[in-house]
Amino acid sequence: MAETSIPVRTCVGCRNRAPVTDLLRVVLRSGTLVPDPRRRLPGRGASLHPTPECLHAAERRRAFPRALRLPGGAAVEVGPLRAHVLGADAPGRTPGRATANERQTALPTDGPATGRSARREQDVVG
């Protein structure tokens, strides 16, 4: 039987290659770096070990704009990613796993609700 190979990626912080299972995928959403632990968000992603050392090295080297192919090395907001990585050091927290709050942050927001409930409310009022 053939063995299944695990994809390998390079960490943008330490530049070491590792299996994707050991790395955290990071994507850019509205100018903000967002952790994508389930590797499901659309768009180009960058891989990072979920450690403060690799995050600091990636920031120092300005690796995220280059890895995400942003024009002119545009500045990106690292807050949610930093909170995720630093939170991974908390007791009882699994590195690379998003909390419910982080999953909510990663969802796109298009402004106020425009679904059926908003239309029903308008029908009742008007």
PDB file of N, CA and C in Angstrom:
ATOM      1  N   MET A   1       0.824  -1.181   0.000  1.00  0.00           N
ATOM      2  CA  MET A   1       0.000   0.000   0.000  1.00  0.00           C
ATOM      3  C   MET A   1       0.871   1.249   0.000  1.00  0.00           C
ATOM      4  N   ALA A   2       0.412   2.250  -0.697  1.00  0.00           N
ATOM      5  CA  ALA A   2       1.137   3.514  -0.737  1.00  0.00           C
ATOM      6  C   ALA A   2       0.837   4.326   0.518  1.00  0.00           C
ATOM      7  N   GLU A   3       1.870   4.975   1.029  1.00  0.00           N
ATOM      8  CA  GLU A   3       1.683   5.824   2.201  1.00  0.00           C
ATOM      9  C   GLU A   3       1.150   7.179   1.760  1.00  0.00           C
ATOM     10  N   THR A   4       0.293   7.752   2.588  1.00  0.00           N
ATOM     11  CA  THR A   4      -0.253   9.068   2.298  1.00  0.00           C
ATOM     12  C   THR A   4       0.748  10.116   2.759  1.00  0.00           C
ATOM     13  N   SER A   5       1.058  11.049   1.879  1.00  0.00           N
ATOM     14  CA  SER A   5       1.997  12.100   2.266  1.00  0.00           C
ATOM     15  C   SER A   5       1.236  13.287   2.838  1.00  0.00           C
ATOM     16  N   ILE A   6       1.830  13.928   3.812  1.00  0.00           N
ATOM     17  CA  ILE A   6       1.242  15.100   4.443  1.00  0.00           C
ATOM     18  C   ILE A   6       1.860  16.329   3.789  1.00  0.00           C
ATOM     19  N   PRO A   7       1.030  17.296   3.365  1.00  0.00           N
ATOM     20  CA  PRO A   7       1.583  18.508   2.752  1.00  0.00           C
ATOM     21  C   PRO A   7       2.517  19.244   3.716  1.00  0.00           C
ATOM     22  N   VAL A   8       3.542  19.849   3.159  1.00  0.00           N
ATOM     23  CA  VAL A   8       4.535  20.587   3.934  1.00  0.00           C
ATOM     24  C   VAL A   8       4.504  22.044   3.488  1.00  0.00           C
ATOM     25  N   ARG A   9       4.591  22.961   4.447  1.00  0.00           N
ATOM     26  CA  ARG A   9       4.631  24.397   4.163  1.00  0.00           C
ATOM     27  C   ARG A   9       5.799  25.008   4.927  1.00  0.00           C
ATOM     28  N   THR A  10       6.158  26.238   4.559  1.00  0.00           N
ATOM     29  CA  THR A  10       7.231  26.964   5.226  1.00  0.00           C
ATOM     30  C   THR A  10       6.642  28.018   6.142  1.00  0.00           C
ATOM     31  N   CYS A  11       7.099  28.064   7.378  1.00  0.00           N
ATOM     32  CA  CYS A  11       6.661  29.073   8.346  1.00  0.00           C
ATOM     33  C   CYS A  11       7.246  30.419   7.923  1.00  0.00           C
ATOM     34  N   VAL A  12       6.407  31.460   7.850  1.00  0.00           N
ATOM     35  CA  VAL A  12       6.896  32.777   7.437  1.00  0.00           C
ATOM     36  C   VAL A  12       7.733  33.431   8.536  1.00  0.00           C
ATOM     37  N   GLY A  13       7.692  32.897   9.750  1.00  0.00           N
ATOM     38  CA  GLY A  13       8.476  33.460  10.843  1.00  0.00           C
ATOM     39  C   GLY A  13       9.881  32.897  10.892  1.00  0.00           C
ATOM     40  N   CYS A  14       9.999  31.593  11.092  1.00  0.00           N
ATOM     41  CA  CYS A  14      11.319  30.969  11.252  1.00  0.00           C
ATOM     42  C   CYS A  14      11.883  30.412   9.948  1.00  0.00           C
ATOM     43  N   ARG A  15      11.053  30.356   8.900  1.00  0.00           N
ATOM     44  CA  ARG A  15      11.444  29.849   7.573  1.00  0.00           C
ATOM     45  C   ARG A  15      11.763  28.354   7.572  1.00  0.00           C
ATOM     46  N   ASN A  16      11.337  27.625   8.599  1.00  0.00           N
ATOM     47  CA  ASN A  16      11.512  26.174   8.628  1.00  0.00           C
ATOM     48  C   ASN A  16      10.294  25.507   8.007  1.00  0.00           C
ATOM     49  N   ARG A  17      10.540  24.387   7.321  1.00  0.00           N
ATOM     50  CA  ARG A  17       9.443  23.632   6.723  1.00  0.00           C
ATOM     51  C   ARG A  17       8.860  22.694   7.775  1.00  0.00           C
ATOM     52  N   ALA A  18       7.520  22.567   7.730  1.00  0.00           N
ATOM     53  CA  ALA A  18       6.831  21.708   8.697  1.00  0.00           C
ATOM     54  C   ALA A  18       5.539  21.204   8.066  1.00  0.00           C
ATOM     55  N   PRO A  19       5.003  20.091   8.566  1.00  0.00           N
ATOM     56  CA  PRO A  19       3.703  19.609   8.071  1.00  0.00           C
ATOM     57  C   PRO A  19       2.620  20.651   8.352  1.00  0.00           C
ATOM     58  N   VAL A  20       1.633  20.743   7.475  1.00  0.00           N
ATOM     59  CA  VAL A  20       0.570  21.739   7.648  1.00  0.00           C
ATOM     60  C   VAL A  20      -0.167  21.554   8.969  1.00  0.00           C
ATOM     61  N   THR A  21      -0.144  20.346   9.507  1.00  0.00           N
ATOM     62  CA  THR A  21      -0.820  20.101  10.780  1.00  0.00           C
ATOM     63  C   THR A  21      -0.141  20.821  11.940  1.00  0.00           C
ATOM     64  N   ASP A  22       1.128  21.194  11.781  1.00  0.00           N
ATOM     65  CA  ASP A  22       1.868  21.901  12.832  1.00  0.00           C
ATOM     66  C   ASP A  22       1.815  23.415  12.668  1.00  0.00           C
ATOM     67  N   LEU A  23       1.277  23.882  11.550  1.00  0.00           N
ATOM     68  CA  LEU A  23       1.277  25.316  11.247  1.00  0.00           C
ATOM     69  C   LEU A  23      -0.126  25.897  11.298  1.00  0.00           C
ATOM     70  N   LEU A  24      -0.201  27.185  11.556  1.00  0.00           N
ATOM     71  CA  LEU A  24      -1.455  27.924  11.566  1.00  0.00           C
ATOM     72  C   LEU A  24      -1.554  28.696  10.254  1.00  0.00           C
ATOM     73  N   ARG A  25      -2.656  28.537   9.548  1.00  0.00           N
ATOM     74  CA  ARG A  25      -2.870  29.303   8.312  1.00  0.00           C
ATOM     75  C   ARG A  25      -3.403  30.676   8.692  1.00  0.00           C
ATOM     76  N   VAL A  26      -2.894  31.703   8.022  1.00  0.00           N
ATOM     77  CA  VAL A  26      -3.276  33.089   8.279  1.00  0.00           C
ATOM     78  C   VAL A  26      -3.738  33.689   6.964  1.00  0.00           C
ATOM     79  N   VAL A  27      -4.883  34.380   6.979  1.00  0.00           N
ATOM     80  CA  VAL A  27      -5.392  35.046   5.779  1.00  0.00           C
ATOM     81  C   VAL A  27      -5.644  36.516   6.083  1.00  0.00           C
ATOM     82  N   LEU A  28      -5.733  37.310   5.040  1.00  0.00           N
ATOM     83  CA  LEU A  28      -5.998  38.735   5.173  1.00  0.00           C
ATOM     84  C   LEU A  28      -7.469  38.995   4.906  1.00  0.00           C
ATOM     85  N   ARG A  29      -8.157  39.614   5.885  1.00  0.00           N
ATOM     86  CA  ARG A  29      -9.575  39.960   5.749  1.00  0.00           C
ATOM     87  C   ARG A  29      -9.718  41.438   6.071  1.00  0.00           C
ATOM     88  N   SER A  30     -10.029  42.251   5.095  1.00  0.00           N
ATOM     89  CA  SER A  30     -10.229  43.692   5.279  1.00  0.00           C
ATOM     90  C   SER A  30      -9.030  44.360   5.945  1.00  0.00           C
ATOM     91  N   GLY A  31      -7.824  44.021   5.518  1.00  0.00           N
ATOM     92  CA  GLY A  31      -6.617  44.645   6.044  1.00  0.00           C
ATOM     93  C   GLY A  31      -6.144  44.097   7.376  1.00  0.00           C
ATOM     94  N   THR A  32      -6.793  43.042   7.869  1.00  0.00           N
ATOM     95  CA  THR A  32      -6.446  42.456   9.165  1.00  0.00           C
ATOM     96  C   THR A  32      -6.050  40.996   8.979  1.00  0.00           C
ATOM     97  N   LEU A  33      -4.955  40.594   9.618  1.00  0.00           N
ATOM     98  CA  LEU A  33      -4.547  39.195   9.584  1.00  0.00           C
ATOM     99  C   LEU A  33      -5.418  38.403  10.544  1.00  0.00           C
ATOM    100  N   VAL A  34      -6.023  37.342  10.023  1.00  0.00           N
ATOM    101  CA  VAL A  34      -6.959  36.538  10.801  1.00  0.00           C
ATOM    102  C   VAL A  34      -6.473  35.089  10.803  1.00  0.00           C
ATOM    103  N   PRO A  35      -6.453  34.436  11.973  1.00  0.00           N
ATOM    104  CA  PRO A  35      -6.078  33.024  12.004  1.00  0.00           C
ATOM    105  C   PRO A  35      -7.152  32.170  11.335  1.00  0.00           C
ATOM    106  N   ASP A  36      -6.723  31.159  10.622  1.00  0.00           N
ATOM    107  CA  ASP A  36      -7.642  30.235   9.954  1.00  0.00           C
ATOM    108  C   ASP A  36      -7.262  28.807  10.351  1.00  0.00           C
ATOM    109  N   PRO A  37      -7.523  28.423  11.599  1.00  0.00           N
ATOM    110  CA  PRO A  37      -7.078  27.110  12.068  1.00  0.00           C
ATOM    111  C   PRO A  37      -7.714  25.941  11.327  1.00  0.00           C
ATOM    112  N   ARG A  38      -8.919  26.126  10.786  1.00  0.00           N
ATOM    113  CA  ARG A  38      -9.569  25.032  10.047  1.00  0.00           C
ATOM    114  C   ARG A  38      -9.174  25.035   8.575  1.00  0.00           C
ATOM    115  N   ARG A  39      -8.403  26.035   8.148  1.00  0.00           N
ATOM    116  CA  ARG A  39      -7.889  26.137   6.775  1.00  0.00           C
ATOM    117  C   ARG A  39      -9.027  26.169   5.760  1.00  0.00           C
ATOM    118  N   ARG A  40     -10.073  26.941   6.051  1.00  0.00           N
ATOM    119  CA  ARG A  40     -11.248  26.985   5.187  1.00  0.00           C
ATOM    120  C   ARG A  40     -11.531  28.361   4.587  1.00  0.00           C
ATOM    121  N   LEU A  41     -10.949  29.432   5.125  1.00  0.00           N
ATOM    122  CA  LEU A  41     -11.250  30.772   4.623  1.00  0.00           C
ATOM    123  C   LEU A  41     -10.688  30.944   3.216  1.00  0.00           C
ATOM    124  N   PRO A  42     -11.385  31.702   2.374  1.00  0.00           N
ATOM    125  CA  PRO A  42     -10.918  31.891   1.000  1.00  0.00           C
ATOM    126  C   PRO A  42      -9.721  32.834   0.927  1.00  0.00           C
ATOM    127  N   GLY A  43      -9.013  32.745  -0.171  1.00  0.00           N
ATOM    128  CA  GLY A  43      -7.907  33.668  -0.426  1.00  0.00           C
ATOM    129  C   GLY A  43      -6.549  33.058  -0.143  1.00  0.00           C
ATOM    130  N   ARG A  44      -5.531  33.820  -0.507  1.00  0.00           N
ATOM    131  CA  ARG A  44      -4.153  33.387  -0.299  1.00  0.00           C
ATOM    132  C   ARG A  44      -3.857  33.351   1.192  1.00  0.00           C
ATOM    133  N   GLY A  45      -3.157  32.334   1.613  1.00  0.00           N
ATOM    134  CA  GLY A  45      -2.820  32.204   3.022  1.00  0.00           C
ATOM    135  C   GLY A  45      -1.316  32.132   3.231  1.00  0.00           C
ATOM    136  N   ALA A  46      -0.905  32.408   4.448  1.00  0.00           N
ATOM    137  CA  ALA A  46       0.489  32.265   4.858  1.00  0.00           C
ATOM    138  C   ALA A  46       0.495  31.302   6.041  1.00  0.00           C
ATOM    139  N   SER A  47       1.557  30.537   6.177  1.00  0.00           N
ATOM    140  CA  SER A  47       1.649  29.561   7.260  1.00  0.00           C
ATOM    141  C   SER A  47       2.614  30.050   8.326  1.00  0.00           C
ATOM    142  N   LEU A  48       2.257  29.778   9.575  1.00  0.00           N
ATOM    143  CA  LEU A  48       3.032  30.270  10.709  1.00  0.00           C
ATOM    144  C   LEU A  48       2.944  29.264  11.848  1.00  0.00           C
ATOM    145  N   HIS A  49       4.086  28.988  12.505  1.00  0.00           N
ATOM    146  CA  HIS A  49       4.010  28.211  13.742  1.00  0.00           C
ATOM    147  C   HIS A  49       3.237  29.058  14.745  1.00  0.00           C
ATOM    148  N   PRO A  50       2.289  28.487  15.475  1.00  0.00           N
ATOM    149  CA  PRO A  50       1.492  29.284  16.415  1.00  0.00           C
ATOM    150  C   PRO A  50       2.254  29.578  17.712  1.00  0.00           C
ATOM    151  N   THR A  51       3.435  30.190  17.572  1.00  0.00           N
ATOM    152  CA  THR A  51       4.257  30.551  18.731  1.00  0.00           C
ATOM    153  C   THR A  51       4.562  32.040  18.689  1.00  0.00           C
ATOM    154  N   PRO A  52       4.722  32.670  19.855  1.00  0.00           N
ATOM    155  CA  PRO A  52       5.065  34.096  19.879  1.00  0.00           C
ATOM    156  C   PRO A  52       6.385  34.393  19.165  1.00  0.00           C
ATOM    157  N   GLU A  53       7.346  33.459  19.238  1.00  0.00           N
ATOM    158  CA  GLU A  53       8.647  33.687  18.605  1.00  0.00           C
ATOM    159  C   GLU A  53       8.514  33.794  17.086  1.00  0.00           C
ATOM    160  N   CYS A  54       7.765  32.889  16.487  1.00  0.00           N
ATOM    161  CA  CYS A  54       7.599  32.922  15.029  1.00  0.00           C
ATOM    162  C   CYS A  54       6.767  34.127  14.601  1.00  0.00           C
ATOM    163  N   LEU A  55       5.762  34.486  15.376  1.00  0.00           N
ATOM    164  CA  LEU A  55       4.967  35.669  15.052  1.00  0.00           C
ATOM    165  C   LEU A  55       5.838  36.913  15.093  1.00  0.00           C
ATOM    166  N   HIS A  56       6.662  37.048  16.132  1.00  0.00           N
ATOM    167  CA  HIS A  56       7.542  38.208  16.258  1.00  0.00           C
ATOM    168  C   HIS A  56       8.534  38.261  15.093  1.00  0.00           C
ATOM    169  N   ALA A  57       9.108  37.110  14.747  1.00  0.00           N
ATOM    170  CA  ALA A  57      10.064  37.063  13.637  1.00  0.00           C
ATOM    171  C   ALA A  57       9.391  37.454  12.322  1.00  0.00           C
ATOM    172  N   ALA A  58       8.176  36.991  12.102  1.00  0.00           N
ATOM    173  CA  ALA A  58       7.453  37.327  10.865  1.00  0.00           C
ATOM    174  C   ALA A  58       7.143  38.818  10.804  1.00  0.00           C
ATOM    175  N   GLU A  59       6.758  39.408  11.939  1.00  0.00           N
ATOM    176  CA  GLU A  59       6.493  40.850  11.970  1.00  0.00           C
ATOM    177  C   GLU A  59       7.780  41.634  11.728  1.00  0.00           C
ATOM    178  N   ARG A  60       8.854  41.229  12.387  1.00  0.00           N
ATOM    179  CA  ARG A  60      10.135  41.923  12.261  1.00  0.00           C
ATOM    180  C   ARG A  60      10.647  41.885  10.819  1.00  0.00           C
ATOM    181  N   ARG A  61      10.455  40.761  10.151  1.00  0.00           N
ATOM    182  CA  ARG A  61      10.922  40.596   8.777  1.00  0.00           C
ATOM    183  C   ARG A  61       9.931  41.125   7.745  1.00  0.00           C
ATOM    184  N   ARG A  62       8.763  41.603   8.206  1.00  0.00           N
ATOM    185  CA  ARG A  62       7.684  42.064   7.312  1.00  0.00           C
ATOM    186  C   ARG A  62       7.317  40.957   6.317  1.00  0.00           C
ATOM    187  N   ALA A  63       7.166  39.753   6.848  1.00  0.00           N
ATOM    188  CA  ALA A  63       6.942  38.585   6.002  1.00  0.00           C
ATOM    189  C   ALA A  63       5.502  38.451   5.525  1.00  0.00           C
ATOM    190  N   PHE A  64       4.535  38.951   6.292  1.00  0.00           N
ATOM    191  CA  PHE A  64       3.135  38.751   5.907  1.00  0.00           C
ATOM    192  C   PHE A  64       2.770  39.448   4.599  1.00  0.00           C
ATOM    193  N   PRO A  65       3.088  40.728   4.418  1.00  0.00           N
ATOM    194  CA  PRO A  65       2.741  41.356   3.129  1.00  0.00           C
ATOM    195  C   PRO A  65       3.395  40.644   1.939  1.00  0.00           C
ATOM    196  N   ARG A  66       4.627  40.189   2.129  1.00  0.00           N
ATOM    197  CA  ARG A  66       5.325  39.500   1.039  1.00  0.00           C
ATOM    198  C   ARG A  66       4.677  38.145   0.765  1.00  0.00           C
ATOM    199  N   ALA A  67       4.385  37.381   1.816  1.00  0.00           N
ATOM    200  CA  ALA A  67       3.794  36.047   1.645  1.00  0.00           C
ATOM    201  C   ALA A  67       2.392  36.127   1.055  1.00  0.00           C
ATOM    202  N   LEU A  68       1.658  37.182   1.400  1.00  0.00           N
ATOM    203  CA  LEU A  68       0.291  37.339   0.902  1.00  0.00           C
ATOM    204  C   LEU A  68       0.243  38.135  -0.400  1.00  0.00           C
ATOM    205  N   ARG A  69       1.426  38.488  -0.893  1.00  0.00           N
ATOM    206  CA  ARG A  69       1.585  39.211  -2.168  1.00  0.00           C
ATOM    207  C   ARG A  69       0.812  40.526  -2.200  1.00  0.00           C
ATOM    208  N   LEU A  70       0.995  41.307  -1.147  1.00  0.00           N
ATOM    209  CA  LEU A  70       0.364  42.624  -1.094  1.00  0.00           C
ATOM    210  C   LEU A  70       1.251  43.627  -1.818  1.00  0.00           C
ATOM    211  N   PRO A  71       0.657  44.547  -2.558  1.00  0.00           N
ATOM    212  CA  PRO A  71       1.463  45.508  -3.316  1.00  0.00           C
ATOM    213  C   PRO A  71       2.211  46.470  -2.392  1.00  0.00           C
ATOM    214  N   GLY A  72       3.487  46.675  -2.671  1.00  0.00           N
ATOM    215  CA  GLY A  72       4.280  47.656  -1.943  1.00  0.00           C
ATOM    216  C   GLY A  72       4.485  47.365  -0.473  1.00  0.00           C
ATOM    217  N   GLY A  73       4.337  46.139  -0.040  1.00  0.00           N
ATOM    218  CA  GLY A  73       4.533  45.813   1.373  1.00  0.00           C
ATOM    219  C   GLY A  73       3.576  46.558   2.279  1.00  0.00           C
ATOM    220  N   ALA A  74       2.314  46.621   1.886  1.00  0.00           N
ATOM    221  CA  ALA A  74       1.295  47.356   2.640  1.00  0.00           C
ATOM    222  C   ALA A  74       1.244  46.900   4.096  1.00  0.00           C
ATOM    223  N   ALA A  75       0.923  47.830   4.980  1.00  0.00           N
ATOM    224  CA  ALA A  75       0.814  47.514   6.405  1.00  0.00           C
ATOM    225  C   ALA A  75      -0.449  46.692   6.660  1.00  0.00           C
ATOM    226  N   VAL A  76      -0.351  45.759   7.582  1.00  0.00           N
ATOM    227  CA  VAL A  76      -1.495  44.924   7.949  1.00  0.00           C
ATOM    228  C   VAL A  76      -1.670  44.964   9.462  1.00  0.00           C
ATOM    229  N   GLU A  77      -2.909  44.811   9.913  1.00  0.00           N
ATOM    230  CA  GLU A  77      -3.236  44.775  11.344  1.00  0.00           C
ATOM    231  C   GLU A  77      -3.040  43.348  11.841  1.00  0.00           C
ATOM    232  N   VAL A  78      -2.269  43.182  12.897  1.00  0.00           N
ATOM    233  CA  VAL A  78      -1.909  41.861  13.397  1.00  0.00           C
ATOM    234  C   VAL A  78      -2.651  41.513  14.692  1.00  0.00           C
ATOM    235  N   GLY A  79      -3.485  42.412  15.200  1.00  0.00           N
ATOM    236  CA  GLY A  79      -4.141  42.237  16.499  1.00  0.00           C
ATOM    237  C   GLY A  79      -4.836  40.904  16.714  1.00  0.00           C
ATOM    238  N   PRO A  80      -5.816  40.517  15.869  1.00  0.00           N
ATOM    239  CA  PRO A  80      -6.509  39.239  16.092  1.00  0.00           C
ATOM    240  C   PRO A  80      -5.570  38.030  16.025  1.00  0.00           C
ATOM    241  N   LEU A  81      -4.586  38.085  15.140  1.00  0.00           N
ATOM    242  CA  LEU A  81      -3.627  36.986  15.041  1.00  0.00           C
ATOM    243  C   LEU A  81      -2.775  36.926  16.304  1.00  0.00           C
ATOM    244  N   ARG A  82      -2.309  38.075  16.769  1.00  0.00           N
ATOM    245  CA  ARG A  82      -1.501  38.123  17.991  1.00  0.00           C
ATOM    246  C   ARG A  82      -2.302  37.571  19.179  1.00  0.00           C
ATOM    247  N   ALA A  83      -3.564  37.976  19.287  1.00  0.00           N
ATOM    248  CA  ALA A  83      -4.411  37.488  20.384  1.00  0.00           C
ATOM    249  C   ALA A  83      -4.560  35.970  20.310  1.00  0.00           C
ATOM    250  N   HIS A  84      -4.707  35.444  19.111  1.00  0.00           N
ATOM    251  CA  HIS A  84      -4.853  33.998  18.931  1.00  0.00           C
ATOM    252  C   HIS A  84      -3.570  33.276  19.345  1.00  0.00           C
ATOM    253  N   VAL A  85      -2.429  33.761  18.860  1.00  0.00           N
ATOM    254  CA  VAL A  85      -1.155  33.096  19.149  1.00  0.00           C
ATOM    255  C   VAL A  85      -0.809  33.215  20.629  1.00  0.00           C
ATOM    256  N   LEU A  86      -0.962  34.385  21.210  1.00  0.00           N
ATOM    257  CA  LEU A  86      -0.645  34.546  22.628  1.00  0.00           C
ATOM    258  C   LEU A  86      -1.636  33.781  23.492  1.00  0.00           C
ATOM    259  N   GLY A  87      -2.874  33.678  23.041  1.00  0.00           N
ATOM    260  CA  GLY A  87      -3.873  32.899  23.765  1.00  0.00           C
ATOM    261  C   GLY A  87      -3.573  31.420  23.713  1.00  0.00           C
ATOM    262  N   ALA A  88      -2.820  30.984  22.695  1.00  0.00           N
ATOM    263  CA  ALA A  88      -2.463  29.574  22.573  1.00  0.00           C
ATOM    264  C   ALA A  88      -1.538  29.150  23.699  1.00  0.00           C
ATOM    265  N   ASP A  89      -0.857  30.123  24.338  1.00  0.00           N
ATOM    266  CA  ASP A  89       0.019  29.795  25.458  1.00  0.00           C
ATOM    267  C   ASP A  89      -0.753  29.649  26.760  1.00  0.00           C
ATOM    268  N   ALA A  90      -2.036  30.005  26.744  1.00  0.00           N
ATOM    269  CA  ALA A  90      -2.844  29.927  27.960  1.00  0.00           C
ATOM    270  C   ALA A  90      -3.081  28.464  28.331  1.00  0.00           C
ATOM    271  N   PRO A  91      -3.173  28.170  29.635  1.00  0.00           N
ATOM    272  CA  PRO A  91      -3.419  26.787  30.047  1.00  0.00           C
ATOM    273  C   PRO A  91      -4.756  26.279  29.517  1.00  0.00           C
ATOM    274  N   GLY A  92      -4.775  25.040  29.063  1.00  0.00           N
ATOM    275  CA  GLY A  92      -6.010  24.445  28.572  1.00  0.00           C
ATOM    276  C   GLY A  92      -6.353  24.849  27.154  1.00  0.00           C
ATOM    277  N   ARG A  93      -5.495  25.575  26.491  1.00  0.00           N
ATOM    278  CA  ARG A  93      -5.761  26.046  25.127  1.00  0.00           C
ATOM    279  C   ARG A  93      -4.896  25.264  24.161  1.00  0.00           C
ATOM    280  N   THR A  94      -5.478  24.758  23.100  1.00  0.00           N
ATOM    281  CA  THR A  94      -4.750  24.011  22.091  1.00  0.00           C
ATOM    282  C   THR A  94      -4.240  24.973  21.034  1.00  0.00           C
ATOM    283  N   PRO A  95      -2.932  25.011  20.766  1.00  0.00           N
ATOM    284  CA  PRO A  95      -2.406  25.908  19.738  1.00  0.00           C
ATOM    285  C   PRO A  95      -3.035  25.617  18.383  1.00  0.00           C
ATOM    286  N   GLY A  96      -3.338  26.674  17.657  1.00  0.00           N
ATOM    287  CA  GLY A  96      -3.894  26.529  16.323  1.00  0.00           C
ATOM    288  C   GLY A  96      -5.391  26.312  16.285  1.00  0.00           C
ATOM    289  N   ARG A  97      -6.047  26.241  17.444  1.00  0.00           N
ATOM    290  CA  ARG A  97      -7.498  26.041  17.481  1.00  0.00           C
ATOM    291  C   ARG A  97      -8.165  27.358  17.819  1.00  0.00           C
ATOM    292  N   ALA A  98      -9.152  27.742  17.051  1.00  0.00           N
ATOM    293  CA  ALA A  98      -9.844  29.010  17.263  1.00  0.00           C
ATOM    294  C   ALA A  98     -10.872  28.893  18.377  1.00  0.00           C
ATOM    295  N   THR A  99     -11.003  29.971  19.136  1.00  0.00           N
ATOM    296  CA  THR A  99     -12.076  30.040  20.118  1.00  0.00           C
ATOM    297  C   THR A  99     -13.334  30.489  19.393  1.00  0.00           C
ATOM    298  N   ALA A 100     -14.478  30.409  20.050  1.00  0.00           N
ATOM    299  CA  ALA A 100     -15.731  30.839  19.428  1.00  0.00           C
ATOM    300  C   ALA A 100     -15.661  32.307  19.035  1.00  0.00           C
ATOM    301  N   ASN A 101     -15.055  33.136  19.864  1.00  0.00           N
ATOM    302  CA  ASN A 101     -14.930  34.558  19.566  1.00  0.00           C
ATOM    303  C   ASN A 101     -14.051  34.789  18.337  1.00  0.00           C
ATOM    304  N   GLU A 102     -12.963  34.048  18.205  1.00  0.00           N
ATOM    305  CA  GLU A 102     -12.084  34.200  17.050  1.00  0.00           C
ATOM    306  C   GLU A 102     -12.770  33.728  15.772  1.00  0.00           C
ATOM    307  N   ARG A 103     -13.575  32.657  15.871  1.00  0.00           N
ATOM    308  CA  ARG A 103     -14.301  32.208  14.678  1.00  0.00           C
ATOM    309  C   ARG A 103     -15.277  33.281  14.234  1.00  0.00           C
ATOM    310  N   GLN A 104     -15.935  33.945  15.175  1.00  0.00           N
ATOM    311  CA  GLN A 104     -16.879  35.006  14.843  1.00  0.00           C
ATOM    312  C   GLN A 104     -16.149  36.173  14.193  1.00  0.00           C
ATOM    313  N   THR A 105     -14.949  36.515  14.695  1.00  0.00           N
ATOM    314  CA  THR A 105     -14.159  37.609  14.140  1.00  0.00           C
ATOM    315  C   THR A 105     -13.766  37.312  12.705  1.00  0.00           C
ATOM    316  N   ALA A 106     -13.526  36.050  12.385  1.00  0.00           N
ATOM    317  CA  ALA A 106     -13.069  35.678  11.052  1.00  0.00           C
ATOM    318  C   ALA A 106     -14.178  35.735  10.010  1.00  0.00           C
ATOM    319  N   LEU A 107     -15.428  35.800  10.444  1.00  0.00           N
ATOM    320  CA  LEU A 107     -16.531  35.837   9.489  1.00  0.00           C
ATOM    321  C   LEU A 107     -16.631  37.206   8.837  1.00  0.00           C
ATOM    322  N   PRO A 108     -16.936  37.261   7.548  1.00  0.00           N
ATOM    323  CA  PRO A 108     -17.090  38.562   6.892  1.00  0.00           C
ATOM    324  C   PRO A 108     -18.347  39.265   7.372  1.00  0.00           C
ATOM    325  N   THR A 109     -18.262  40.559   7.498  1.00  0.00           N
ATOM    326  CA  THR A 109     -19.436  41.335   7.883  1.00  0.00           C
ATOM    327  C   THR A 109     -19.759  42.307   6.771  1.00  0.00           C
ATOM    328  N   ASP A 110     -21.007  42.345   6.393  1.00  0.00           N
ATOM    329  CA  ASP A 110     -21.444  43.212   5.309  1.00  0.00           C
ATOM    330  C   ASP A 110     -22.320  44.340   5.816  1.00  0.00           C
ATOM    331  N   GLY A 111     -22.265  44.629   7.080  1.00  0.00           N
ATOM    332  CA  GLY A 111     -23.075  45.715   7.620  1.00  0.00           C
ATOM    333  C   GLY A 111     -24.328  45.181   8.278  1.00  0.00           C
ATOM    334  N   PRO A 112     -25.375  46.006   8.351  1.00  0.00           N
ATOM    335  CA  PRO A 112     -26.596  45.600   9.044  1.00  0.00           C
ATOM    336  C   PRO A 112     -27.277  44.432   8.343  1.00  0.00           C
ATOM    337  N   ALA A 113     -28.068  43.718   9.107  1.00  0.00           N
ATOM    338  CA  ALA A 113     -28.774  42.549   8.579  1.00  0.00           C
ATOM    339  C   ALA A 113     -29.714  42.956   7.457  1.00  0.00           C
ATOM    340  N   THR A 114     -29.686  42.179   6.386  1.00  0.00           N
ATOM    341  CA  THR A 114     -30.577  42.457   5.255  1.00  0.00           C
ATOM    342  C   THR A 114     -31.392  41.224   4.913  1.00  0.00           C
ATOM    343  N   GLY A 115     -31.416  40.281   5.835  1.00  0.00           N
ATOM    344  CA  GLY A 115     -32.123  39.029   5.577  1.00  0.00           C
ATOM    345  C   GLY A 115     -33.617  39.153   5.789  1.00  0.00           C
ATOM    346  N   ARG A 116     -34.279  37.999   5.870  1.00  0.00           N
ATOM    347  CA  ARG A 116     -35.739  37.961   6.004  1.00  0.00           C
ATOM    348  C   ARG A 116     -36.215  38.637   7.277  1.00  0.00           C
ATOM    349  N   SER A 117     -35.480  38.474   8.377  1.00  0.00           N
ATOM    350  CA  SER A 117     -35.928  39.056   9.642  1.00  0.00           C
ATOM    351  C   SER A 117     -35.970  40.575   9.551  1.00  0.00           C
ATOM    352  N   ALA A 118     -35.025  41.186   8.852  1.00  0.00           N
ATOM    353  CA  ALA A 118     -35.026  42.644   8.707  1.00  0.00           C
ATOM    354  C   ALA A 118     -36.225  43.084   7.872  1.00  0.00           C
ATOM    355  N   ARG A 119     -36.562  42.310   6.834  1.00  0.00           N
ATOM    356  CA  ARG A 119     -37.714  42.667   5.999  1.00  0.00           C
ATOM    357  C   ARG A 119     -39.012  42.513   6.779  1.00  0.00           C
ATOM    358  N   ARG A 120     -39.117  41.458   7.582  1.00  0.00           N
ATOM    359  CA  ARG A 120     -40.313  41.262   8.393  1.00  0.00           C
ATOM    360  C   ARG A 120     -40.506  42.409   9.367  1.00  0.00           C
ATOM    361  N   GLU A 121     -39.416  42.850   9.984  1.00  0.00           N
ATOM    362  CA  GLU A 121     -39.496  43.962  10.925  1.00  0.00           C
ATOM    363  C   GLU A 121     -39.980  45.221  10.209  1.00  0.00           C
ATOM    364  N   GLN A 122     -39.515  45.428   8.985  1.00  0.00           N
ATOM    365  CA  GLN A 122     -39.930  46.599   8.214  1.00  0.00           C
ATOM    366  C   GLN A 122     -41.419  46.500   7.864  1.00  0.00           C
ATOM    367  N   ASP A 123     -41.902  45.313   7.531  1.00  0.00           N
ATOM    368  CA  ASP A 123     -43.313  45.134   7.203  1.00  0.00           C
ATOM    369  C   ASP A 123     -44.198  45.416   8.413  1.00  0.00           C
ATOM    370  N   VAL A 124     -43.736  45.022   9.594  1.00  0.00           N
ATOM    371  CA  VAL A 124     -44.514  45.242  10.811  1.00  0.00           C
ATOM    372  C   VAL A 124     -44.576  46.727  11.134  1.00  0.00           C
ATOM    373  N   VAL A 125     -43.447  47.429  10.984  1.00  0.00           N
ATOM    374  CA  VAL A 125     -43.379  48.853  11.305  1.00  0.00           C
ATOM    375  C   VAL A 125     -44.113  49.669  10.259  1.00  0.00           C
ATOM    376  N   GLY A 126     -43.922  49.378   8.988  1.00  0.00           N
ATOM    377  CA  GLY A 126     -44.448  50.206   7.895  1.00  0.00           C
ATOM    378  C   GLY A 126     -45.707  49.688   7.405  1.00  0.00           C
TER     379      GLY A 126
END
